[in-house]
Amino acid sequence: MKNIYHKITAGASVLPLLLPFATNAQQQGGGLSGAQGQLTGIGTALGGINTQGAGALPALIGRLINAFLGVLGIILVVYLVWAGFLWMTASGEEEKVKKAKAMIQQSVIGMVIVIAAYAIASFVINVLVGATG
């Protein structure tokens, strides 16, 4: 009975992390059909793609990098929460505690790398957009 309670509470604690995905589940195509509607939906999901002018490609690449790094950040937060859950349910077993500590250390290092990558990518894209626009 105790195991079932822990599984239910663990599942319920992950649910708020998935809510942003559920709110954007509707089609973004604006009533257009075919491939044009799909491309418009993708562009809207990425924050609007600039298809005109000199800054179109750097802006598109910047939005794709930001989306990718955002997904990586979500994955790292889930990994960190999972490591904390493993530590809390270790029941004092030294092997499980060591594994959980290693996972927490890895996730923190990963978050630092993702944040640094985001900062570098943001700076480079802003410079490219500023130089071409």
C-alpha atoms as a PDB file:
ATOM      1  CA  MET A   1       0.000   0.000   0.000  1.00  0.00           C
ATOM      2  CA  LYS A   2       2.846   2.356   0.852  1.00  0.00           C
ATOM      3  CA  ASN A   3       4.481   1.795  -2.580  1.00  0.00           C
ATOM      4  CA  ILE A   4       1.262   2.655  -4.404  1.00  0.00           C
ATOM      5  CA  TYR A   5       0.935   5.886  -2.414  1.00  0.00           C
ATOM      6  CA  HIS A   6       4.504   6.906  -3.341  1.00  0.00           C
ATOM      7  CA  LYS A   7       3.907   6.187  -7.035  1.00  0.00           C
ATOM      8  CA  ILE A   8       0.690   8.199  -7.080  1.00  0.00           C
ATOM      9  CA  THR A   9       2.245  11.190  -5.320  1.00  0.00           C
ATOM     10  CA  ALA A  10       5.298  11.049  -7.599  1.00  0.00           C
ATOM     11  CA  GLY A  11       3.062  11.046 -10.672  1.00  0.00           C
ATOM     12  CA  ALA A  12       0.988  13.917  -9.300  1.00  0.00           C
ATOM     13  CA  SER A  13       4.125  15.976  -8.593  1.00  0.00           C
ATOM     14  CA  VAL A  14       5.248  15.686 -12.236  1.00  0.00           C
ATOM     15  CA  LEU A  15       1.844  16.717 -13.619  1.00  0.00           C
ATOM     16  CA  PRO A  16       2.325  20.509 -13.163  1.00  0.00           C
ATOM     17  CA  LEU A  17       5.466  20.297 -15.294  1.00  0.00           C
ATOM     18  CA  LEU A  18       3.390  18.999 -18.207  1.00  0.00           C
ATOM     19  CA  LEU A  19       0.647  21.644 -18.042  1.00  0.00           C
ATOM     20  CA  PRO A  20       2.385  24.163 -20.362  1.00  0.00           C
ATOM     21  CA  PHE A  21       2.338  21.528 -23.113  1.00  0.00           C
ATOM     22  CA  ALA A  22      -1.397  20.915 -22.659  1.00  0.00           C
ATOM     23  CA  THR A  23      -2.252  24.600 -23.010  1.00  0.00           C
ATOM     24  CA  ASN A  24      -0.568  24.826 -26.433  1.00  0.00           C
ATOM     25  CA  ALA A  25      -2.180  21.652 -27.760  1.00  0.00           C
ATOM     26  CA  GLN A  26      -4.623  23.413 -30.080  1.00  0.00           C
ATOM     27  CA  GLN A  27      -3.837  23.842 -33.758  1.00  0.00           C
ATOM     28  CA  GLN A  28      -2.037  27.067 -34.584  1.00  0.00           C
ATOM     29  CA  GLY A  29      -2.775  26.999 -38.322  1.00  0.00           C
ATOM     30  CA  GLY A  30      -5.520  29.642 -38.241  1.00  0.00           C
ATOM     31  CA  GLY A  31      -7.911  27.667 -40.457  1.00  0.00           C
ATOM     32  CA  LEU A  32      -5.440  27.187 -43.317  1.00  0.00           C
ATOM     33  CA  SER A  33      -5.291  23.750 -44.897  1.00  0.00           C
ATOM     34  CA  GLY A  34      -2.495  21.586 -46.168  1.00  0.00           C
ATOM     35  CA  ALA A  35       1.230  22.218 -45.879  1.00  0.00           C
ATOM     36  CA  GLN A  36       0.810  26.002 -45.645  1.00  0.00           C
ATOM     37  CA  GLY A  37      -1.328  25.626 -42.516  1.00  0.00           C
ATOM     38  CA  GLN A  38       1.233  23.299 -40.936  1.00  0.00           C
ATOM     39  CA  LEU A  39       4.075  25.700 -41.637  1.00  0.00           C
ATOM     40  CA  THR A  40       2.081  28.604 -40.250  1.00  0.00           C
ATOM     41  CA  GLY A  41       1.331  26.562 -37.124  1.00  0.00           C
ATOM     42  CA  ILE A  42       5.003  25.769 -36.637  1.00  0.00           C
ATOM     43  CA  GLY A  43       5.944  29.425 -37.170  1.00  0.00           C
ATOM     44  CA  THR A  44       3.353  30.567 -34.638  1.00  0.00           C
ATOM     45  CA  ALA A  45       4.579  28.004 -32.112  1.00  0.00           C
ATOM     46  CA  LEU A  46       8.124  29.321 -32.506  1.00  0.00           C
ATOM     47  CA  GLY A  47       7.043  32.878 -31.820  1.00  0.00           C
ATOM     48  CA  GLY A  48       6.517  33.974 -35.411  1.00  0.00           C
ATOM     49  CA  ILE A  49       9.156  33.403 -38.061  1.00  0.00           C
ATOM     50  CA  ASN A  50      10.520  36.403 -39.893  1.00  0.00           C
ATOM     51  CA  THR A  51      10.411  35.309 -43.547  1.00  0.00           C
ATOM     52  CA  GLN A  52      11.292  38.715 -44.976  1.00  0.00           C
ATOM     53  CA  GLY A  53      14.507  40.712 -44.916  1.00  0.00           C
ATOM     54  CA  ALA A  54      18.112  40.140 -44.006  1.00  0.00           C
ATOM     55  CA  GLY A  55      17.582  38.942 -40.417  1.00  0.00           C
ATOM     56  CA  ALA A  56      15.285  36.035 -41.280  1.00  0.00           C
ATOM     57  CA  LEU A  57      17.768  33.154 -41.012  1.00  0.00           C
ATOM     58  CA  PRO A  58      19.527  34.261 -37.785  1.00  0.00           C
ATOM     59  CA  ALA A  59      16.156  34.907 -36.130  1.00  0.00           C
ATOM     60  CA  LEU A  60      14.883  31.465 -37.148  1.00  0.00           C
ATOM     61  CA  ILE A  61      18.034  29.767 -35.915  1.00  0.00           C
ATOM     62  CA  GLY A  62      17.843  31.728 -32.660  1.00  0.00           C
ATOM     63  CA  ARG A  63      14.266  30.636 -32.025  1.00  0.00           C
ATOM     64  CA  LEU A  64      15.109  27.002 -32.790  1.00  0.00           C
ATOM     65  CA  ILE A  65      18.088  27.099 -30.428  1.00  0.00           C
ATOM     66  CA  ASN A  66      15.963  28.719 -27.703  1.00  0.00           C
ATOM     67  CA  ALA A  67      13.260  26.060 -28.120  1.00  0.00           C
ATOM     68  CA  PHE A  68      15.836  23.257 -27.993  1.00  0.00           C
ATOM     69  CA  LEU A  69      17.541  24.669 -24.896  1.00  0.00           C
ATOM     70  CA  GLY A  70      14.153  25.146 -23.243  1.00  0.00           C
ATOM     71  CA  VAL A  71      13.318  21.483 -23.768  1.00  0.00           C
ATOM     72  CA  LEU A  72      16.736  20.519 -22.374  1.00  0.00           C
ATOM     73  CA  GLY A  73      16.056  22.665 -19.302  1.00  0.00           C
ATOM     74  CA  ILE A  74      12.744  20.901 -18.708  1.00  0.00           C
ATOM     75  CA  ILE A  75      14.432  17.506 -19.046  1.00  0.00           C
ATOM     76  CA  LEU A  76      17.110  18.522 -16.543  1.00  0.00           C
ATOM     77  CA  VAL A  77      14.533  19.732 -14.013  1.00  0.00           C
ATOM     78  CA  VAL A  78      12.664  16.416 -14.317  1.00  0.00           C
ATOM     79  CA  TYR A  79      15.985  14.570 -13.859  1.00  0.00           C
ATOM     80  CA  LEU A  80      16.717  16.642 -10.747  1.00  0.00           C
ATOM     81  CA  VAL A  81      13.271  15.974  -9.283  1.00  0.00           C
ATOM     82  CA  TRP A  82      13.668  12.256 -10.022  1.00  0.00           C
ATOM     83  CA  ALA A  83      17.050  12.232  -8.232  1.00  0.00           C
ATOM     84  CA  GLY A  84      15.494  13.935  -5.213  1.00  0.00           C
ATOM     85  CA  PHE A  85      12.683  11.381  -5.242  1.00  0.00           C
ATOM     86  CA  LEU A  86      15.234   8.542  -5.315  1.00  0.00           C
ATOM     87  CA  TRP A  87      17.100  10.091  -2.397  1.00  0.00           C
ATOM     88  CA  MET A  88      13.927  10.507  -0.336  1.00  0.00           C
ATOM     89  CA  THR A  89      12.877   6.910  -0.972  1.00  0.00           C
ATOM     90  CA  ALA A  90      16.349   5.443  -0.387  1.00  0.00           C
ATOM     91  CA  SER A  91      15.422   4.536   3.214  1.00  0.00           C
ATOM     92  CA  GLY A  92      19.000   5.050   4.338  1.00  0.00           C
ATOM     93  CA  GLU A  93      20.537   2.600   1.858  1.00  0.00           C
ATOM     94  CA  GLU A  94      23.981   3.990   1.147  1.00  0.00           C
ATOM     95  CA  GLU A  95      24.104   2.700  -2.445  1.00  0.00           C
ATOM     96  CA  LYS A  96      20.851   4.460  -3.429  1.00  0.00           C
ATOM     97  CA  VAL A  97      21.873   7.683  -1.674  1.00  0.00           C
ATOM     98  CA  LYS A  98      25.194   7.729  -3.567  1.00  0.00           C
ATOM     99  CA  LYS A  99      23.361   7.170  -6.849  1.00  0.00           C
ATOM    100  CA  ALA A 100      20.912   9.991  -6.080  1.00  0.00           C
ATOM    101  CA  LYS A 101      23.723  12.378  -5.092  1.00  0.00           C
ATOM    102  CA  ALA A 102      25.543  11.610  -8.340  1.00  0.00           C
ATOM    103  CA  MET A 103      22.341  12.265 -10.318  1.00  0.00           C
ATOM    104  CA  ILE A 104      21.821  15.604  -8.538  1.00  0.00           C
ATOM    105  CA  GLN A 105      25.425  16.606  -9.225  1.00  0.00           C
ATOM    106  CA  GLN A 106      25.073  15.657 -12.895  1.00  0.00           C
ATOM    107  CA  SER A 107      21.811  17.567 -13.262  1.00  0.00           C
ATOM    108  CA  VAL A 108      23.226  20.716 -11.665  1.00  0.00           C
ATOM    109  CA  ILE A 109      26.274  20.573 -13.965  1.00  0.00           C
ATOM    110  CA  GLY A 110      23.934  20.021 -16.917  1.00  0.00           C
ATOM    111  CA  MET A 111      21.811  23.026 -15.920  1.00  0.00           C
ATOM    112  CA  VAL A 112      24.901  25.231 -15.705  1.00  0.00           C
ATOM    113  CA  ILE A 113      25.947  24.076 -19.189  1.00  0.00           C
ATOM    114  CA  VAL A 114      22.453  24.695 -20.626  1.00  0.00           C
ATOM    115  CA  ILE A 115      22.227  28.163 -19.043  1.00  0.00           C
ATOM    116  CA  ALA A 116      25.692  29.053 -20.370  1.00  0.00           C
ATOM    117  CA  ALA A 117      24.746  27.743 -23.827  1.00  0.00           C
ATOM    118  CA  TYR A 118      21.551  29.798 -23.739  1.00  0.00           C
ATOM    119  CA  ALA A 119      23.457  32.952 -22.777  1.00  0.00           C
ATOM    120  CA  ILE A 120      26.090  32.438 -25.490  1.00  0.00           C
ATOM    121  CA  ALA A 121      23.511  31.587 -28.165  1.00  0.00           C
ATOM    122  CA  SER A 122      21.351  34.562 -27.212  1.00  0.00           C
ATOM    123  CA  PHE A 123      24.324  36.917 -27.394  1.00  0.00           C
ATOM    124  CA  VAL A 124      25.524  35.573 -30.750  1.00  0.00           C
ATOM    125  CA  ILE A 125      22.050  35.642 -32.324  1.00  0.00           C
ATOM    126  CA  ASN A 126      21.414  39.199 -31.063  1.00  0.00           C
ATOM    127  CA  VAL A 127      24.739  40.324 -32.552  1.00  0.00           C
ATOM    128  CA  LEU A 128      23.953  38.601 -35.872  1.00  0.00           C
ATOM    129  CA  VAL A 129      20.450  40.059 -36.053  1.00  0.00           C
ATOM    130  CA  GLY A 130      21.774  43.503 -35.120  1.00  0.00           C
ATOM    131  CA  ALA A 131      24.532  43.323 -37.752  1.00  0.00           C
ATOM    132  CA  THR A 132      22.198  42.191 -40.548  1.00  0.00           C
ATOM    133  CA  GLY A 133      19.089  44.195 -39.613  1.00  0.00           C
END
